């Protein structure tokens, strides 16, 4: 299948591109490189441009049978301070992309969504049936786009799968894809860099949460597990599957104290860290029920936290040498 991958020069998108190629699919990447990196698209056809450019998108769709949509602004904190950017990029530009899709024969669409659509969950583990109540503009834009996809499915026959990621982490086994965010806000790379001495001591936000050790618990999922779910979603839709939304997580969480201990074990170094006040709105624990993805796609995660950290460490050490 010929797949147009928007945002395919970003962290998760570029990993999905490699898995698509490994599965025998043809890939065309569209990325404006505002946060992506051309180096992550090496070996694949990259068209530099924006999803809001309907003429350019139409040309790309002439060569495509399906779309994987990763292009979006994705910093929760920034979405609070600059919501206009998020509603413009994630909704307005996303609608332009969808309208270009509707003007083409393409009717298969895989969407990069987020567990942020749930906000503070009513119960754990988080199932797809729980209320959706985002607590920041980022999550709000993801939920709004999911609802647009549902409406477009009913009205226009655009079949889609929205994949709600939990905490993406790790690096591709090839060593060619890892986290390159600027600024980096994700816990695992910050923890590894602190242990390696390439970043300041890790800040741990809050120690009095209602969790076994007082620190936040999150569900960390390997980027390659996320990518494999996208391939299965694509093939599910190609086989006639109906539109749906699915959680992508491991089904269990890890606390920050647990991560600190494992990072020290894997690196053989002390991880400098400091405890600071909790951030407003941070839920004590978030972890997925991945059962629906297993039932519908036959997918489940295969990497544990040690595997995630080991791959991420190799990526960080590679960057230090370059």
Protein backbone atom coordinates (compact mmCIF):
# COMPACT_ATOMS: atom_id res chain seq x y z
CA UNK A 1 0.00 0.00 0.00
CA UNK A 2 1.15 3.57 -0.72
CA UNK A 3 1.03 5.58 2.50
CA UNK A 4 1.30 9.35 2.94
CA UNK A 5 2.85 10.02 6.35
CA UNK A 6 2.35 13.56 7.62
CA UNK A 7 4.89 14.50 10.27
CA UNK A 8 7.01 11.57 9.18
CA UNK A 9 10.22 13.38 10.13
CA UNK A 10 9.25 13.52 13.79
CA UNK A 11 10.02 11.07 16.57
CA UNK A 12 7.07 8.68 16.34
CA UNK A 13 6.32 9.32 12.67
CA UNK A 14 9.84 8.46 11.52
CA UNK A 15 9.75 5.23 13.49
CA UNK A 16 6.40 4.35 11.88
CA UNK A 17 7.94 5.07 8.46
CA UNK A 18 10.61 2.43 9.07
CA UNK A 19 8.05 -0.12 10.19
CA UNK A 20 5.91 0.62 7.13
CA UNK A 21 8.88 0.00 4.85
CA UNK A 22 9.78 -3.20 6.70
CA UNK A 23 6.17 -4.39 6.17
CA UNK A 24 6.47 -3.80 2.42
CA UNK A 25 4.49 -0.56 2.14
CA UNK A 26 5.58 2.42 0.02
CA UNK A 27 6.08 5.63 1.98
CA UNK A 28 5.81 9.30 1.09
CA UNK A 29 6.63 11.76 3.90
CA UNK A 30 5.12 15.25 4.14
CA UNK A 31 6.66 17.40 6.88
CA UNK A 32 7.22 21.13 7.31
CA UNK A 33 10.25 20.38 9.55
CA UNK A 34 9.09 22.90 12.17
CA UNK A 35 9.78 20.29 14.83
CA UNK A 36 10.83 17.32 12.70
CA UNK A 37 14.32 16.56 11.44
CA UNK A 38 15.24 15.80 7.83
CA UNK A 39 17.92 13.43 9.15
CA UNK A 40 15.18 11.15 10.51
CA UNK A 41 13.79 10.78 6.97
CA UNK A 42 17.09 9.72 5.42
CA UNK A 43 16.50 6.98 2.89
CA UNK A 44 12.87 7.92 2.29
CA UNK A 45 11.18 10.44 0.02
CA UNK A 46 10.53 13.64 1.96
CA UNK A 47 8.41 16.48 0.64
CA UNK A 48 8.90 19.62 2.71
CA UNK A 49 5.60 21.41 3.13
CA UNK A 50 2.59 21.97 5.35
CA UNK A 51 -0.62 19.96 5.64
CA UNK A 52 -2.55 23.21 5.21
CA UNK A 53 -1.23 23.52 1.63
CA UNK A 54 -4.16 21.89 -0.15
CA UNK A 55 -2.51 21.96 -3.59
CA UNK A 56 0.62 20.23 -2.29
CA UNK A 57 -1.39 17.71 -0.27
CA UNK A 58 -3.54 16.93 -3.32
CA UNK A 59 -0.41 16.10 -5.31
CA UNK A 60 0.80 13.82 -2.53
CA UNK A 61 -2.58 12.08 -2.33
CA UNK A 62 -2.44 11.28 -6.05
CA UNK A 63 0.39 8.91 -5.10
CA UNK A 64 -1.26 7.50 -1.96
CA UNK A 65 -3.79 4.89 -0.89
CA UNK A 66 -3.89 5.85 2.80
CA UNK A 67 -2.82 8.56 5.25
CA UNK A 68 -1.04 8.32 8.60
CA UNK A 69 -1.37 11.67 10.31
CA UNK A 70 1.31 12.55 12.88
CA UNK A 71 1.77 16.26 12.10
CA UNK A 72 0.72 18.33 15.12
CA UNK A 73 1.91 20.62 17.89
CA UNK A 74 2.42 18.41 20.92
CA UNK A 75 3.64 20.23 24.05
CA UNK A 76 1.03 20.22 26.80
CA UNK A 77 2.52 23.19 28.65
CA UNK A 78 2.87 25.26 25.50
CA UNK A 79 -0.75 24.54 24.60
CA UNK A 80 -1.79 26.30 27.82
CA UNK A 81 0.34 29.40 27.16
CA UNK A 82 -0.26 29.53 23.39
CA UNK A 83 -3.59 27.82 22.66
CA UNK A 84 -4.04 29.72 19.39
CA UNK A 85 -1.08 27.82 17.92
CA UNK A 86 -2.64 24.49 18.90
CA UNK A 87 -6.12 25.15 17.57
CA UNK A 88 -4.59 26.51 14.35
CA UNK A 89 -2.13 23.66 13.76
CA UNK A 90 -4.06 20.73 15.14
CA UNK A 91 -7.60 21.65 14.10
CA UNK A 92 -7.56 24.24 11.31
CA UNK A 93 -4.65 22.70 9.40
CA UNK A 94 -5.96 19.23 10.20
CA UNK A 95 -9.30 20.14 8.61
CA UNK A 96 -7.50 21.35 5.50
CA UNK A 97 -5.79 17.95 5.31
CA UNK A 98 -9.09 16.11 5.73
CA UNK A 99 -10.80 18.18 3.07
CA UNK A 100 -7.97 17.39 0.65
CA UNK A 101 -8.41 13.71 1.50
CA UNK A 102 -12.15 13.92 0.77
CA UNK A 103 -11.37 15.47 -2.62
CA UNK A 104 -9.23 12.40 -3.42
CA UNK A 105 -10.07 8.69 -3.65
CA UNK A 106 -8.27 8.01 -0.34
CA UNK A 107 -10.61 6.80 2.42
CA UNK A 108 -8.18 5.21 4.93
CA UNK A 109 -6.85 7.43 7.71
CA UNK A 110 -4.79 6.55 10.82
CA UNK A 111 -4.63 9.34 13.38
CA UNK A 112 -2.04 9.99 16.08
CA UNK A 113 -4.17 10.86 19.12
CA UNK A 114 -3.36 10.92 22.85
CA UNK A 115 -4.43 9.73 26.27
CA UNK A 116 -4.74 13.46 27.01
CA UNK A 117 -8.31 13.17 25.69
CA UNK A 118 -9.30 11.59 29.04
CA UNK A 119 -8.00 14.33 31.33
CA UNK A 120 -8.04 13.04 34.91
CA UNK A 121 -9.57 9.57 34.53
CA UNK A 122 -12.53 8.47 36.60
CA UNK A 123 -10.93 5.05 37.19
CA UNK A 124 -7.91 2.90 36.35
CA UNK A 125 -6.91 1.28 34.11
CA UNK A 126 -8.15 3.73 31.49
CA UNK A 127 -10.58 2.13 29.05
CA UNK A 128 -11.94 3.70 25.88
CA UNK A 129 -15.41 3.91 27.43
CA UNK A 130 -14.34 6.35 30.16
CA UNK A 131 -15.47 10.00 29.90
CA UNK A 132 -13.34 12.28 27.73
CA UNK A 133 -12.62 15.49 29.61
CA UNK A 134 -9.30 17.07 28.53
CA UNK A 135 -7.67 19.46 31.00
CA UNK A 136 -5.47 21.33 28.49
CA UNK A 137 -5.81 22.67 24.93
CA UNK A 138 -3.54 19.96 23.53
CA UNK A 139 -5.88 17.21 24.71
CA UNK A 140 -8.86 19.27 23.62
CA UNK A 141 -7.54 19.50 20.05
CA UNK A 142 -6.91 15.77 19.91
CA UNK A 143 -10.44 15.00 21.10
CA UNK A 144 -11.95 17.56 18.73
CA UNK A 145 -10.14 15.98 15.77
CA UNK A 146 -11.32 12.52 16.83
CA UNK A 147 -14.90 13.82 16.82
CA UNK A 148 -14.38 15.32 13.38
CA UNK A 149 -13.16 11.95 12.13
CA UNK A 150 -16.28 10.28 13.56
CA UNK A 151 -18.53 12.78 11.79
CA UNK A 152 -16.60 12.41 8.51
CA UNK A 153 -16.87 8.64 8.78
CA UNK A 154 -20.66 8.82 9.05
CA UNK A 155 -21.13 11.50 6.38
CA UNK A 156 -18.40 10.76 3.85
CA UNK A 157 -17.22 7.19 4.39
CA UNK A 158 -13.74 8.18 5.59
CA UNK A 159 -12.69 5.19 7.69
CA UNK A 160 -10.24 5.95 10.48
CA UNK A 161 -8.50 4.61 13.55
CA UNK A 162 -7.54 7.10 16.27
CA UNK A 163 -4.66 5.74 18.35
CA UNK A 164 -4.48 7.21 21.85
CA UNK A 165 -0.84 7.02 22.93
CA UNK A 166 0.26 6.87 26.50
CA UNK A 167 3.91 7.87 27.19
CA UNK A 168 6.00 7.21 24.09
CA UNK A 169 9.64 6.43 24.84
CA UNK A 170 12.68 4.51 23.65
CA UNK A 171 14.54 4.35 20.34
CA UNK A 172 14.30 2.27 17.17
CA UNK A 173 16.49 -0.84 17.18
CA UNK A 174 18.40 0.45 14.13
CA UNK A 175 19.74 3.36 16.18
CA UNK A 176 18.45 5.80 13.55
CA UNK A 177 15.43 7.15 15.47
CA UNK A 178 15.17 8.49 19.00
CA UNK A 179 13.93 11.51 20.90
CA UNK A 180 15.19 14.83 19.51
CA UNK A 181 12.73 17.28 21.00
CA UNK A 182 13.71 20.91 21.50
CA UNK A 183 13.06 21.60 24.28
CA UNK A 184 13.02 18.09 25.72
CA UNK A 185 10.22 17.69 28.26
CA UNK A 186 9.88 13.90 28.49
CA UNK A 187 10.95 12.22 31.71
CA UNK A 188 13.00 9.28 30.42
CA UNK A 189 15.46 11.18 28.19
CA UNK A 190 15.82 13.86 30.88
CA UNK A 191 16.57 11.18 33.47
CA UNK A 192 19.14 9.47 31.25
CA UNK A 193 20.83 12.77 30.38
CA UNK A 194 21.01 13.72 34.06
CA UNK A 195 22.69 10.38 34.82
CA UNK A 196 25.11 10.83 31.90
CA UNK A 197 25.95 14.36 33.00
CA UNK A 198 24.65 15.98 29.82
CA UNK A 199 21.69 17.68 31.50
CA UNK A 200 20.93 19.28 34.88
CA UNK A 201 19.65 17.18 37.79
CA UNK A 202 16.23 15.70 37.14
CA UNK A 203 13.33 17.58 38.69
CA UNK A 204 10.78 15.29 40.32
CA UNK A 205 7.47 17.09 40.57
CA UNK A 206 5.73 15.99 43.76
CA UNK A 207 6.33 13.28 46.35
CA UNK A 208 2.96 13.16 48.11
CA UNK A 209 0.72 11.66 45.48
CA UNK A 210 -1.65 8.85 46.40
CA UNK A 211 0.66 6.20 44.94
CA UNK A 212 2.77 3.48 46.63
CA UNK A 213 5.93 5.64 46.73
CA UNK A 214 4.38 9.11 46.51
CA UNK A 215 5.56 9.89 42.96
CA UNK A 216 3.55 9.97 39.73
CA UNK A 217 2.87 6.74 37.87
CA UNK A 218 2.73 6.69 34.08
CA UNK A 219 2.40 4.05 31.36
CA UNK A 220 5.57 4.09 29.18
CA UNK A 221 5.34 2.44 25.78
CA UNK A 222 8.16 1.79 23.33
CA UNK A 223 8.04 3.86 20.15
CA UNK A 224 8.39 0.69 18.07
CA UNK A 225 5.35 -0.81 19.77
CA UNK A 226 3.44 2.34 18.80
CA UNK A 227 4.68 2.02 15.23
CA UNK A 228 3.63 -1.62 14.98
CA UNK A 229 0.12 -0.63 16.12
CA UNK A 230 -0.07 1.87 13.25
CA UNK A 231 0.76 -0.86 10.74
CA UNK A 232 -1.93 -3.11 12.21
CA UNK A 233 -4.44 -0.23 12.16
CA UNK A 234 -3.64 0.44 8.51
CA UNK A 235 -4.09 -3.21 7.58
CA UNK A 236 -7.29 -3.42 9.65
CA UNK A 237 -8.81 -0.53 7.69
CA UNK A 238 -7.56 -1.90 4.36
CA UNK A 239 -9.40 -5.14 5.16
CA UNK A 240 -12.65 -3.19 5.62
CA UNK A 241 -12.50 -2.47 9.35
CA UNK A 242 -14.81 0.16 10.80
CA UNK A 243 -13.73 3.46 12.33
CA UNK A 244 -12.71 3.26 15.98
CA UNK A 245 -10.47 4.75 18.70
CA UNK A 246 -7.98 2.64 20.66
CA UNK A 247 -5.63 3.02 23.62
CA UNK A 248 -1.97 2.19 23.09
CA UNK A 249 -0.28 1.38 26.38
CA UNK A 250 1.27 -1.51 28.25
CA UNK A 251 -1.50 -1.91 30.82
CA UNK A 252 0.64 -1.00 33.83
CA UNK A 253 2.52 2.02 35.11
CA UNK A 254 5.91 2.87 36.60
CA UNK A 255 6.61 5.50 39.23
CA UNK A 256 9.32 8.14 38.97
CA UNK A 257 11.21 6.59 41.88
CA UNK A 258 11.16 3.24 40.06
CA UNK A 259 12.51 4.90 36.93
CA UNK A 260 15.31 6.61 38.84
CA UNK A 261 16.37 3.29 40.35
CA UNK A 262 16.32 1.51 36.97
CA UNK A 263 18.22 4.30 35.21
CA UNK A 264 20.95 4.08 37.85
CA UNK A 265 21.08 0.32 37.42
CA UNK A 266 21.30 0.45 33.62
CA UNK A 267 23.81 3.31 33.41
CA UNK A 268 25.88 2.32 36.45
CA UNK A 269 25.76 5.97 37.52
CA UNK A 270 24.03 7.99 40.18
CA UNK A 271 21.11 9.96 38.79
CA UNK A 272 21.22 13.47 40.31
CA UNK A 273 17.69 14.61 41.10
CA UNK A 274 15.77 17.05 43.21
CA UNK A 275 12.24 16.99 44.56
CA UNK A 276 10.10 20.04 43.84
CA UNK A 277 6.44 20.94 44.25
CA UNK A 278 3.89 19.02 42.22
CA UNK A 279 2.56 20.69 39.09
CA UNK A 280 -1.08 21.77 39.17
CA UNK A 281 -3.34 19.28 37.43
CA UNK A 282 -0.89 16.37 37.35
CA UNK A 283 -2.91 13.15 37.93
CA UNK A 284 -1.32 10.73 40.42
CA UNK A 285 -1.50 7.78 38.02
CA UNK A 286 -2.29 7.13 34.37
CA UNK A 287 -2.13 3.75 32.71
CA UNK A 288 -4.05 2.13 29.91
CA UNK A 289 -6.21 -0.85 29.36
CA UNK A 290 -4.90 -2.05 25.97
CA UNK A 291 -7.52 -4.81 25.68
CA UNK A 292 -9.54 -3.21 22.91
CA UNK A 293 -6.45 -2.82 20.71
CA UNK A 294 -5.60 -6.46 21.35
CA UNK A 295 -9.11 -7.59 20.44
CA UNK A 296 -9.52 -5.45 17.32
CA UNK A 297 -5.98 -5.26 15.95
CA UNK A 298 -4.35 -8.30 17.52
CA UNK A 299 -1.76 -5.89 18.94
CA UNK A 300 0.03 -5.74 22.26
CA UNK A 301 3.24 -4.14 23.50
CA UNK A 302 6.32 -6.35 23.63
CA UNK A 303 8.92 -4.03 25.23
CA UNK A 304 9.18 -3.56 28.97
CA UNK A 305 10.59 -0.51 30.78
CA UNK A 306 14.11 -1.96 30.90
CA UNK A 307 14.06 -2.48 27.13
CA UNK A 308 12.75 1.06 26.62
CA UNK A 309 15.48 2.59 28.77
CA UNK A 310 18.23 0.44 27.27
CA UNK A 311 17.32 1.51 23.73
CA UNK A 312 17.02 5.16 24.81
CA UNK A 313 20.43 4.97 26.50
CA UNK A 314 22.05 3.70 23.30
CA UNK A 315 20.48 6.60 21.41
CA UNK A 316 21.72 9.16 23.95
CA UNK A 317 25.25 7.71 23.87
CA UNK A 318 25.21 7.76 20.07
CA UNK A 319 24.25 11.44 20.07
CA UNK A 320 27.08 12.21 22.52
CA UNK A 321 29.62 10.66 20.14
CA UNK A 322 28.35 12.52 17.05
